[in-house]
Amino acid sequence: ISRDGAKNTVYLQMNNLKPKDTAEYYCNAIERWGQGT
């Protein structure tokens, strides 16, 4: 996980993905949730 404060953006680099990683991924910040990906 990393972030760019100037851009108010957070990243998640996912390597060596496995079937168990299958899910809807949500961002959380400022007491809010993203729509999911």
PDB file of all heavy atoms in Angstrom:
ATOM      1  N   ILE A   1       0.845  -1.181   0.000  1.00  0.00           N
ATOM      2  CA  ILE A   1       0.000   0.000   0.000  1.00  0.00           C
ATOM      3  C   ILE A   1       0.888   1.241   0.000  1.00  0.00           C
ATOM      4  O   ILE A   1       1.936   1.266   0.640  1.00  0.00           O
ATOM      5  CB  ILE A   1      -0.961   0.017   1.213  1.00  0.00           C
ATOM      6  CG1 ILE A   1      -1.979   1.153   1.083  1.00  0.00           C
ATOM      7  CG2 ILE A   1      -0.199   0.116   2.526  1.00  0.00           C
ATOM      8  CD1 ILE A   1      -3.108   1.080   2.110  1.00  0.00           C
ATOM      9  N   SER A   2       0.473   2.259  -0.727  1.00  0.00           N
ATOM     10  CA  SER A   2       1.215   3.505  -0.782  1.00  0.00           C
ATOM     11  C   SER A   2       0.228   4.648  -0.998  1.00  0.00           C
ATOM     12  O   SER A   2      -0.941   4.413  -1.308  1.00  0.00           O
ATOM     13  CB  SER A   2       2.269   3.478  -1.897  1.00  0.00           C
ATOM     14  OG  SER A   2       1.659   3.303  -3.165  1.00  0.00           O
ATOM     15  N   ARG A   3       0.701   5.867  -0.825  1.00  0.00           N
ATOM     16  CA  ARG A   3      -0.191   7.005  -1.031  1.00  0.00           C
ATOM     17  C   ARG A   3       0.569   8.201  -1.571  1.00  0.00           C
ATOM     18  O   ARG A   3       1.772   8.350  -1.353  1.00  0.00           O
ATOM     19  CB  ARG A   3      -0.918   7.380   0.265  1.00  0.00           C
ATOM     20  CG  ARG A   3      -0.023   7.912   1.373  1.00  0.00           C
ATOM     21  CD  ARG A   3      -0.791   8.074   2.678  1.00  0.00           C
ATOM     22  NE  ARG A   3      -1.737   9.192   2.623  1.00  0.00           N
ATOM     23  CZ  ARG A   3      -2.635   9.460   3.581  1.00  0.00           C
ATOM     24  NH1 ARG A   3      -2.724   8.660   4.645  1.00  0.00           N
ATOM     25  NH2 ARG A   3      -3.438  10.501   3.462  1.00  0.00           N
ATOM     26  N   ASP A   4      -0.162   9.040  -2.265  1.00  0.00           N
ATOM     27  CA  ASP A   4       0.353  10.291  -2.778  1.00  0.00           C
ATOM     28  C   ASP A   4      -0.466  11.373  -2.094  1.00  0.00           C
ATOM     29  O   ASP A   4      -1.610  11.629  -2.468  1.00  0.00           O
ATOM     30  CB  ASP A   4       0.201  10.358  -4.298  1.00  0.00           C
ATOM     31  CG  ASP A   4       0.809  11.615  -4.894  1.00  0.00           C
ATOM     32  OD1 ASP A   4       0.887  12.644  -4.192  1.00  0.00           O
ATOM     33  OD2 ASP A   4       1.210  11.571  -6.070  1.00  0.00           O
ATOM     34  N   GLY A   5       0.109  11.993  -1.072  1.00  0.00           N
ATOM     35  CA  GLY A   5      -0.611  12.996  -0.304  1.00  0.00           C
ATOM     36  C   GLY A   5      -1.064  14.183  -1.128  1.00  0.00           C
ATOM     37  O   GLY A   5      -2.166  14.704  -0.928  1.00  0.00           O
ATOM     38  N   ALA A   6      -0.229  14.621  -2.049  1.00  0.00           N
ATOM     39  CA  ALA A   6      -0.564  15.770  -2.876  1.00  0.00           C
ATOM     40  C   ALA A   6      -1.774  15.503  -3.754  1.00  0.00           C
ATOM     41  O   ALA A   6      -2.540  16.415  -4.073  1.00  0.00           O
ATOM     42  CB  ALA A   6       0.631  16.170  -3.730  1.00  0.00           C
ATOM     43  N   LYS A   7      -1.947  14.249  -4.151  1.00  0.00           N
ATOM     44  CA  LYS A   7      -3.060  13.875  -5.024  1.00  0.00           C
ATOM     45  C   LYS A   7      -4.219  13.238  -4.265  1.00  0.00           C
ATOM     46  O   LYS A   7      -5.219  12.869  -4.878  1.00  0.00           O
ATOM     47  CB  LYS A   7      -2.580  12.923  -6.110  1.00  0.00           C
ATOM     48  CG  LYS A   7      -1.561  13.524  -7.062  1.00  0.00           C
ATOM     49  CD  LYS A   7      -1.160  12.530  -8.141  1.00  0.00           C
ATOM     50  CE  LYS A   7      -0.173  13.152  -9.111  1.00  0.00           C
ATOM     51  NZ  LYS A   7       0.228  12.190 -10.180  1.00  0.00           N
ATOM     52  N   ASN A   8      -4.069  13.109  -2.937  1.00  0.00           N
ATOM     53  CA  ASN A   8      -5.106  12.476  -2.111  1.00  0.00           C
ATOM     54  C   ASN A   8      -5.511  11.118  -2.678  1.00  0.00           C
ATOM     55  O   ASN A   8      -6.695  10.791  -2.768  1.00  0.00           O
ATOM     56  CB  ASN A   8      -6.326  13.389  -1.995  1.00  0.00           C
ATOM     57  CG  ASN A   8      -6.010  14.675  -1.276  1.00  0.00           C
ATOM     58  OD1 ASN A   8      -5.411  14.665  -0.205  1.00  0.00           O
ATOM     59  ND2 ASN A   8      -6.409  15.800  -1.860  1.00  0.00           N
ATOM     60  N   THR A   9      -4.508  10.352  -3.028  1.00  0.00           N
ATOM     61  CA  THR A   9      -4.733   9.066  -3.658  1.00  0.00           C
ATOM     62  C   THR A   9      -3.970   7.961  -2.928  1.00  0.00           C
ATOM     63  O   THR A   9      -2.829   8.160  -2.519  1.00  0.00           O
ATOM     64  CB  THR A   9      -4.293   9.097  -5.132  1.00  0.00           C
ATOM     65  OG1 THR A   9      -5.053  10.089  -5.833  1.00  0.00           O
ATOM     66  CG2 THR A   9      -4.517   7.749  -5.799  1.00  0.00           C
ATOM     67  N   VAL A  10      -4.617   6.819  -2.772  1.00  0.00           N
ATOM     68  CA  VAL A  10      -3.983   5.659  -2.170  1.00  0.00           C
ATOM     69  C   VAL A  10      -3.966   4.538  -3.202  1.00  0.00           C
ATOM     70  O   VAL A  10      -4.901   4.396  -3.999  1.00  0.00           O
ATOM     71  CB  VAL A  10      -4.711   5.215  -0.875  1.00  0.00           C
ATOM     72  CG1 VAL A  10      -6.145   4.789  -1.165  1.00  0.00           C
ATOM     73  CG2 VAL A  10      -3.940   4.097  -0.187  1.00  0.00           C
ATOM     74  N   TYR A  11      -2.891   3.759  -3.189  1.00  0.00           N
ATOM     75  CA  TYR A  11      -2.720   2.683  -4.147  1.00  0.00           C
ATOM     76  C   TYR A  11      -2.545   1.353  -3.427  1.00  0.00           C
ATOM     77  O   TYR A  11      -2.112   1.294  -2.282  1.00  0.00           O
ATOM     78  CB  TYR A  11      -1.486   2.924  -5.017  1.00  0.00           C
ATOM     79  CG  TYR A  11      -1.468   4.264  -5.712  1.00  0.00           C
ATOM     80  CD1 TYR A  11      -0.837   5.358  -5.124  1.00  0.00           C
ATOM     81  CD2 TYR A  11      -2.080   4.439  -6.946  1.00  0.00           C
ATOM     82  CE1 TYR A  11      -0.817   6.591  -5.756  1.00  0.00           C
ATOM     83  CE2 TYR A  11      -2.067   5.669  -7.585  1.00  0.00           C
ATOM     84  CZ  TYR A  11      -1.433   6.741  -6.985  1.00  0.00           C
ATOM     85  OH  TYR A  11      -1.418   7.962  -7.614  1.00  0.00           O
ATOM     86  N   LEU A  12      -2.859   0.295  -4.124  1.00  0.00           N
ATOM     87  CA  LEU A  12      -2.612  -1.046  -3.617  1.00  0.00           C
ATOM     88  C   LEU A  12      -2.025  -1.866  -4.750  1.00  0.00           C
ATOM     89  O   LEU A  12      -2.729  -2.214  -5.699  1.00  0.00           O
ATOM     90  CB  LEU A  12      -3.895  -1.704  -3.101  1.00  0.00           C
ATOM     91  CG  LEU A  12      -3.700  -3.070  -2.430  1.00  0.00           C
ATOM     92  CD1 LEU A  12      -2.944  -2.909  -1.111  1.00  0.00           C
ATOM     93  CD2 LEU A  12      -5.045  -3.750  -2.191  1.00  0.00           C
ATOM     94  N   GLN A  13      -0.734  -2.135  -4.661  1.00  0.00           N
ATOM     95  CA  GLN A  13      -0.073  -2.985  -5.632  1.00  0.00           C
ATOM     96  C   GLN A  13      -0.217  -4.424  -5.170  1.00  0.00           C
ATOM     97  O   GLN A  13       0.229  -4.778  -4.076  1.00  0.00           O
ATOM     98  CB  GLN A  13       1.411  -2.618  -5.748  1.00  0.00           C
ATOM     99  CG  GLN A  13       2.200  -3.490  -6.723  1.00  0.00           C
ATOM    100  CD  GLN A  13       1.761  -3.307  -8.155  1.00  0.00           C
ATOM    101  OE1 GLN A  13       1.585  -2.182  -8.616  1.00  0.00           O
ATOM    102  NE2 GLN A  13       1.572  -4.412  -8.869  1.00  0.00           N
ATOM    103  N   MET A  14      -0.851  -5.243  -5.983  1.00  0.00           N
ATOM    104  CA  MET A  14      -1.113  -6.627  -5.632  1.00  0.00           C
ATOM    105  C   MET A  14      -0.325  -7.537  -6.566  1.00  0.00           C
ATOM    106  O   MET A  14      -0.570  -7.554  -7.770  1.00  0.00           O
ATOM    107  CB  MET A  14      -2.605  -6.937  -5.716  1.00  0.00           C
ATOM    108  CG  MET A  14      -3.470  -6.008  -4.873  1.00  0.00           C
ATOM    109  SD  MET A  14      -5.227  -6.472  -4.907  1.00  0.00           S
ATOM    110  CE  MET A  14      -5.607  -6.101  -6.618  1.00  0.00           C
ATOM    111  N   ASN A  15       0.608  -8.278  -5.999  1.00  0.00           N
ATOM    112  CA  ASN A  15       1.426  -9.203  -6.762  1.00  0.00           C
ATOM    113  C   ASN A  15       1.158 -10.633  -6.320  1.00  0.00           C
ATOM    114  O   ASN A  15       0.656 -10.875  -5.221  1.00  0.00           O
ATOM    115  CB  ASN A  15       2.912  -8.886  -6.577  1.00  0.00           C
ATOM    116  CG  ASN A  15       3.301  -7.517  -7.085  1.00  0.00           C
ATOM    117  OD1 ASN A  15       2.761  -7.030  -8.068  1.00  0.00           O
ATOM    118  ND2 ASN A  15       4.262  -6.892  -6.411  1.00  0.00           N
ATOM    119  N   ASN A  16       1.517 -11.570  -7.180  1.00  0.00           N
ATOM    120  CA  ASN A  16       1.330 -12.991  -6.883  1.00  0.00           C
ATOM    121  C   ASN A  16      -0.089 -13.271  -6.401  1.00  0.00           C
ATOM    122  O   ASN A  16      -0.310 -13.910  -5.374  1.00  0.00           O
ATOM    123  CB  ASN A  16       2.352 -13.452  -5.842  1.00  0.00           C
ATOM    124  CG  ASN A  16       2.403 -14.959  -5.703  1.00  0.00           C
ATOM    125  OD1 ASN A  16       2.036 -15.695  -6.616  1.00  0.00           O
ATOM    126  ND2 ASN A  16       2.850 -15.433  -4.542  1.00  0.00           N
ATOM    127  N   LEU A  17      -1.045 -12.797  -7.159  1.00  0.00           N
ATOM    128  CA  LEU A  17      -2.445 -12.956  -6.779  1.00  0.00           C
ATOM    129  C   LEU A  17      -2.869 -14.417  -6.786  1.00  0.00           C
ATOM    130  O   LEU A  17      -2.405 -15.214  -7.606  1.00  0.00           O
ATOM    131  CB  LEU A  17      -3.334 -12.150  -7.714  1.00  0.00           C
ATOM    132  CG  LEU A  17      -3.338 -10.645  -7.423  1.00  0.00           C
ATOM    133  CD1 LEU A  17      -3.835  -9.865  -8.634  1.00  0.00           C
ATOM    134  CD2 LEU A  17      -4.210 -10.347  -6.205  1.00  0.00           C
ATOM    135  N   LYS A  18      -3.760 -14.745  -5.862  1.00  0.00           N
ATOM    136  CA  LYS A  18      -4.269 -16.092  -5.702  1.00  0.00           C
ATOM    137  C   LYS A  18      -5.791 -16.072  -5.765  1.00  0.00           C
ATOM    138  O   LYS A  18      -6.409 -15.043  -5.510  1.00  0.00           O
ATOM    139  CB  LYS A  18      -3.818 -16.670  -4.360  1.00  0.00           C
ATOM    140  CG  LYS A  18      -2.303 -16.675  -4.177  1.00  0.00           C
ATOM    141  CD  LYS A  18      -1.910 -17.137  -2.786  1.00  0.00           C
ATOM    142  CE  LYS A  18      -0.406 -17.124  -2.615  1.00  0.00           C
ATOM    143  NZ  LYS A  18       0.001 -17.575  -1.260  1.00  0.00           N
ATOM    144  N   PRO A  19      -6.420 -17.210  -6.094  1.00  0.00           N
ATOM    145  CA  PRO A  19      -7.887 -17.251  -6.137  1.00  0.00           C
ATOM    146  C   PRO A  19      -8.548 -16.757  -4.855  1.00  0.00           C
ATOM    147  O   PRO A  19      -9.621 -16.155  -4.904  1.00  0.00           O
ATOM    148  CB  PRO A  19      -8.178 -18.734  -6.396  1.00  0.00           C
ATOM    149  CG  PRO A  19      -7.013 -19.178  -7.208  1.00  0.00           C
ATOM    150  CD  PRO A  19      -5.836 -18.472  -6.587  1.00  0.00           C
ATOM    151  N   LYS A  20      -7.930 -16.983  -3.712  1.00  0.00           N
ATOM    152  CA  LYS A  20      -8.494 -16.535  -2.442  1.00  0.00           C
ATOM    153  C   LYS A  20      -8.555 -15.016  -2.321  1.00  0.00           C
ATOM    154  O   LYS A  20      -9.227 -14.493  -1.432  1.00  0.00           O
ATOM    155  CB  LYS A  20      -7.712 -17.111  -1.258  1.00  0.00           C
ATOM    156  CG  LYS A  20      -6.290 -16.587  -1.125  1.00  0.00           C
ATOM    157  CD  LYS A  20      -5.596 -17.198   0.081  1.00  0.00           C
ATOM    158  CE  LYS A  20      -4.190 -16.658   0.246  1.00  0.00           C
ATOM    159  NZ  LYS A  20      -3.511 -17.265   1.434  1.00  0.00           N
ATOM    160  N   ASP A  21      -7.856 -14.310  -3.202  1.00  0.00           N
ATOM    161  CA  ASP A  21      -7.892 -12.855  -3.198  1.00  0.00           C
ATOM    162  C   ASP A  21      -9.118 -12.309  -3.922  1.00  0.00           C
ATOM    163  O   ASP A  21      -9.366 -11.102  -3.902  1.00  0.00           O
ATOM    164  CB  ASP A  21      -6.632 -12.280  -3.850  1.00  0.00           C
ATOM    165  CG  ASP A  21      -5.366 -12.623  -3.080  1.00  0.00           C
ATOM    166  OD1 ASP A  21      -5.377 -12.517  -1.840  1.00  0.00           O
ATOM    167  OD2 ASP A  21      -4.370 -12.990  -3.727  1.00  0.00           O
ATOM    168  N   THR A  22      -9.865 -13.168  -4.580  1.00  0.00           N
ATOM    169  CA  THR A  22     -11.060 -12.750  -5.307  1.00  0.00           C
ATOM    170  C   THR A  22     -12.066 -12.121  -4.351  1.00  0.00           C
ATOM    171  O   THR A  22     -12.480 -12.738  -3.372  1.00  0.00           O
ATOM    172  CB  THR A  22     -11.702 -13.939  -6.026  1.00  0.00           C
ATOM    173  OG1 THR A  22     -10.811 -14.424  -7.036  1.00  0.00           O
ATOM    174  CG2 THR A  22     -13.015 -13.528  -6.690  1.00  0.00           C
ATOM    175  N   ALA A  23     -12.445 -10.888  -4.626  1.00  0.00           N
ATOM    176  CA  ALA A  23     -13.361 -10.145  -3.762  1.00  0.00           C
ATOM    177  C   ALA A  23     -13.627  -8.775  -4.361  1.00  0.00           C
ATOM    178  O   ALA A  23     -12.989  -8.368  -5.330  1.00  0.00           O
ATOM    179  CB  ALA A  23     -12.767  -9.984  -2.360  1.00  0.00           C
ATOM    180  N   GLU A  24     -14.574  -8.085  -3.775  1.00  0.00           N
ATOM    181  CA  GLU A  24     -14.791  -6.685  -4.084  1.00  0.00           C
ATOM    182  C   GLU A  24     -13.880  -5.890  -3.158  1.00  0.00           C
ATOM    183  O   GLU A  24     -13.918  -6.078  -1.932  1.00  0.00           O
ATOM    184  CB  GLU A  24     -16.254  -6.296  -3.859  1.00  0.00           C
ATOM    185  CG  GLU A  24     -16.601  -4.895  -4.314  1.00  0.00           C
ATOM    186  CD  GLU A  24     -16.966  -4.802  -5.781  1.00  0.00           C
ATOM    187  OE1 GLU A  24     -16.879  -5.834  -6.491  1.00  0.00           O
ATOM    188  OE2 GLU A  24     -17.335  -3.711  -6.239  1.00  0.00           O
ATOM    189  N   TYR A  25     -13.065  -5.025  -3.721  1.00  0.00           N
ATOM    190  CA  TYR A  25     -12.125  -4.236  -2.935  1.00  0.00           C
ATOM    191  C   TYR A  25     -12.642  -2.818  -2.764  1.00  0.00           C
ATOM    192  O   TYR A  25     -13.042  -2.165  -3.730  1.00  0.00           O
ATOM    193  CB  TYR A  25     -10.751  -4.221  -3.606  1.00  0.00           C
ATOM    194  CG  TYR A  25      -9.991  -5.509  -3.407  1.00  0.00           C
ATOM    195  CD1 TYR A  25     -10.397  -6.680  -4.032  1.00  0.00           C
ATOM    196  CD2 TYR A  25      -8.875  -5.562  -2.563  1.00  0.00           C
ATOM    197  CE1 TYR A  25      -9.729  -7.871  -3.828  1.00  0.00           C
ATOM    198  CE2 TYR A  25      -8.193  -6.749  -2.365  1.00  0.00           C
ATOM    199  CZ  TYR A  25      -8.614  -7.901  -2.993  1.00  0.00           C
ATOM    200  OH  TYR A  25      -7.935  -9.082  -2.797  1.00  0.00           O
ATOM    201  N   TYR A  26     -12.621  -2.340  -1.524  1.00  0.00           N
ATOM    202  CA  TYR A  26     -13.143  -1.024  -1.187  1.00  0.00           C
ATOM    203  C   TYR A  26     -12.083  -0.141  -0.560  1.00  0.00           C
ATOM    204  O   TYR A  26     -11.302  -0.588   0.274  1.00  0.00           O
ATOM    205  CB  TYR A  26     -14.305  -1.134  -0.199  1.00  0.00           C
ATOM    206  CG  TYR A  26     -15.504  -1.891  -0.711  1.00  0.00           C
ATOM    207  CD1 TYR A  26     -15.599  -3.271  -0.554  1.00  0.00           C
ATOM    208  CD2 TYR A  26     -16.548  -1.223  -1.343  1.00  0.00           C
ATOM    209  CE1 TYR A  26     -16.700  -3.966  -1.018  1.00  0.00           C
ATOM    210  CE2 TYR A  26     -17.656  -1.911  -1.806  1.00  0.00           C
ATOM    211  CZ  TYR A  26     -17.724  -3.283  -1.641  1.00  0.00           C
ATOM    212  OH  TYR A  26     -18.823  -3.969  -2.101  1.00  0.00           O
ATOM    213  N   CYS A  27     -12.093   1.108  -0.939  1.00  0.00           N
ATOM    214  CA  CYS A  27     -11.235   2.117  -0.343  1.00  0.00           C
ATOM    215  C   CYS A  27     -11.977   2.770   0.811  1.00  0.00           C
ATOM    216  O   CYS A  27     -13.193   2.984   0.747  1.00  0.00           O
ATOM    217  CB  CYS A  27     -10.872   3.160  -1.400  1.00  0.00           C
ATOM    218  SG  CYS A  27      -9.920   4.569  -0.796  1.00  0.00           S
ATOM    219  N   ASN A  28     -11.264   3.075   1.881  1.00  0.00           N
ATOM    220  CA  ASN A  28     -11.859   3.750   3.027  1.00  0.00           C
ATOM    221  C   ASN A  28     -10.986   4.919   3.460  1.00  0.00           C
ATOM    222  O   ASN A  28      -9.785   4.772   3.645  1.00  0.00           O
ATOM    223  CB  ASN A  28     -12.029   2.775   4.194  1.00  0.00           C
ATOM    224  CG  ASN A  28     -12.612   3.435   5.421  1.00  0.00           C
ATOM    225  OD1 ASN A  28     -11.888   3.809   6.345  1.00  0.00           O
ATOM    226  ND2 ASN A  28     -13.934   3.576   5.446  1.00  0.00           N
ATOM    227  N   ALA A  29     -11.609   6.071   3.614  1.00  0.00           N
ATOM    228  CA  ALA A  29     -10.918   7.264   4.081  1.00  0.00           C
ATOM    229  C   ALA A  29     -11.949   8.328   4.426  1.00  0.00           C
ATOM    230  O   ALA A  29     -13.055   8.330   3.874  1.00  0.00           O
ATOM    231  CB  ALA A  29      -9.959   7.799   3.022  1.00  0.00           C
ATOM    232  N   ILE A  30     -11.580   9.218   5.336  1.00  0.00           N
ATOM    233  CA  ILE A  30     -12.460  10.326   5.725  1.00  0.00           C
ATOM    234  C   ILE A  30     -13.853   9.816   6.107  1.00  0.00           C
ATOM    235  O   ILE A  30     -14.866  10.444   5.799  1.00  0.00           O
ATOM    236  CB  ILE A  30     -12.595  11.385   4.600  1.00  0.00           C
ATOM    237  CG1 ILE A  30     -11.390  11.375   3.657  1.00  0.00           C
ATOM    238  CG2 ILE A  30     -12.768  12.777   5.209  1.00  0.00           C
ATOM    239  CD1 ILE A  30     -11.566  12.188   2.422  1.00  0.00           C
ATOM    240  N   GLU A  31     -13.894   8.664   6.765  1.00  0.00           N
ATOM    241  CA  GLU A  31     -15.150   8.046   7.183  1.00  0.00           C
ATOM    242  C   GLU A  31     -16.095   7.806   6.000  1.00  0.00           C
ATOM    243  O   GLU A  31     -17.314   7.894   6.128  1.00  0.00           O
ATOM    244  CB  GLU A  31     -15.838   8.907   8.245  1.00  0.00           C
ATOM    245  CG  GLU A  31     -14.992   9.110   9.491  1.00  0.00           C
ATOM    246  CD  GLU A  31     -15.698   9.911  10.551  1.00  0.00           C
ATOM    247  OE1 GLU A  31     -16.298  10.961  10.228  1.00  0.00           O
ATOM    248  OE2 GLU A  31     -15.670   9.486  11.724  1.00  0.00           O
ATOM    249  N   ARG A  32     -15.528   7.484   4.862  1.00  0.00           N
ATOM    250  CA  ARG A  32     -16.300   7.208   3.666  1.00  0.00           C
ATOM    251  C   ARG A  32     -15.810   5.925   3.006  1.00  0.00           C
ATOM    252  O   ARG A  32     -14.671   5.504   3.211  1.00  0.00           O
ATOM    253  CB  ARG A  32     -16.168   8.361   2.653  1.00  0.00           C
ATOM    254  CG  ARG A  32     -16.669   9.701   3.141  1.00  0.00           C
ATOM    255  CD  ARG A  32     -18.187   9.759   3.147  1.00  0.00           C
ATOM    256  NE  ARG A  32     -18.670  11.117   3.355  1.00  0.00           N
ATOM    257  CZ  ARG A  32     -18.782  11.701   4.543  1.00  0.00           C
ATOM    258  NH1 ARG A  32     -18.432  11.040   5.646  1.00  0.00           N
ATOM    259  NH2 ARG A  32     -19.244  12.938   4.637  1.00  0.00           N
ATOM    260  N   TRP A  33     -16.681   5.336   2.220  1.00  0.00           N
ATOM    261  CA  TRP A  33     -16.344   4.153   1.455  1.00  0.00           C
ATOM    262  C   TRP A  33     -16.461   4.452  -0.031  1.00  0.00           C
ATOM    263  O   TRP A  33     -17.352   5.182  -0.456  1.00  0.00           O
ATOM    264  CB  TRP A  33     -17.297   2.995   1.771  1.00  0.00           C
ATOM    265  CG  TRP A  33     -17.129   2.430   3.148  1.00  0.00           C
ATOM    266  CD1 TRP A  33     -17.884   2.720   4.250  1.00  0.00           C
ATOM    267  CD2 TRP A  33     -16.164   1.469   3.571  1.00  0.00           C
ATOM    268  NE1 TRP A  33     -17.449   2.004   5.330  1.00  0.00           N
ATOM    269  CE2 TRP A  33     -16.396   1.226   4.945  1.00  0.00           C
ATOM    270  CE3 TRP A  33     -15.125   0.789   2.923  1.00  0.00           C
ATOM    271  CZ2 TRP A  33     -15.623   0.325   5.685  1.00  0.00           C
ATOM    272  CZ3 TRP A  33     -14.355  -0.098   3.653  1.00  0.00           C
ATOM    273  CH2 TRP A  33     -14.605  -0.324   5.015  1.00  0.00           C
ATOM    274  N   GLY A  34     -15.561   3.889  -0.801  1.00  0.00           N
ATOM    275  CA  GLY A  34     -15.670   3.988  -2.238  1.00  0.00           C
ATOM    276  C   GLY A  34     -16.718   3.016  -2.739  1.00  0.00           C
ATOM    277  O   GLY A  34     -17.321   2.270  -1.964  1.00  0.00           O
ATOM    278  N   GLN A  35     -16.936   3.016  -4.034  1.00  0.00           N
ATOM    279  CA  GLN A  35     -17.978   2.163  -4.616  1.00  0.00           C
ATOM    280  C   GLN A  35     -17.544   0.719  -4.778  1.00  0.00           C
ATOM    281  O   GLN A  35     -18.382  -0.156  -4.978  1.00  0.00           O
ATOM    282  CB  GLN A  35     -18.412   2.734  -5.976  1.00  0.00           C
ATOM    283  CG  GLN A  35     -17.531   2.350  -7.167  1.00  0.00           C
ATOM    284  CD  GLN A  35     -16.190   3.054  -7.198  1.00  0.00           C
ATOM    285  OE1 GLN A  35     -15.908   3.944  -6.405  1.00  0.00           O
ATOM    286  NE2 GLN A  35     -15.346   2.652  -8.145  1.00  0.00           N
ATOM    287  N   GLY A  36     -16.257   0.475  -4.689  1.00  0.00           N
ATOM    288  CA  GLY A  36     -15.729  -0.862  -4.818  1.00  0.00           C
ATOM    289  C   GLY A  36     -15.259  -1.165  -6.221  1.00  0.00           C
ATOM    290  O   GLY A  36     -15.769  -0.624  -7.201  1.00  0.00           O
ATOM    291  N   THR A  37     -14.272  -2.034  -6.314  1.00  0.00           N
ATOM    292  CA  THR A  37     -13.782  -2.496  -7.600  1.00  0.00           C
ATOM    293  C   THR A  37     -13.536  -3.999  -7.496  1.00  0.00           C
ATOM    294  O   THR A  37     -12.941  -4.473  -6.533  1.00  0.00           O
ATOM    295  CB  THR A  37     -12.502  -1.733  -8.033  1.00  0.00           C
ATOM    296  OG1 THR A  37     -12.104  -2.157  -9.338  1.00  0.00           O
ATOM    297  CG2 THR A  37     -11.352  -1.962  -7.061  1.00  0.00           C
TER     298      THR A  37
END
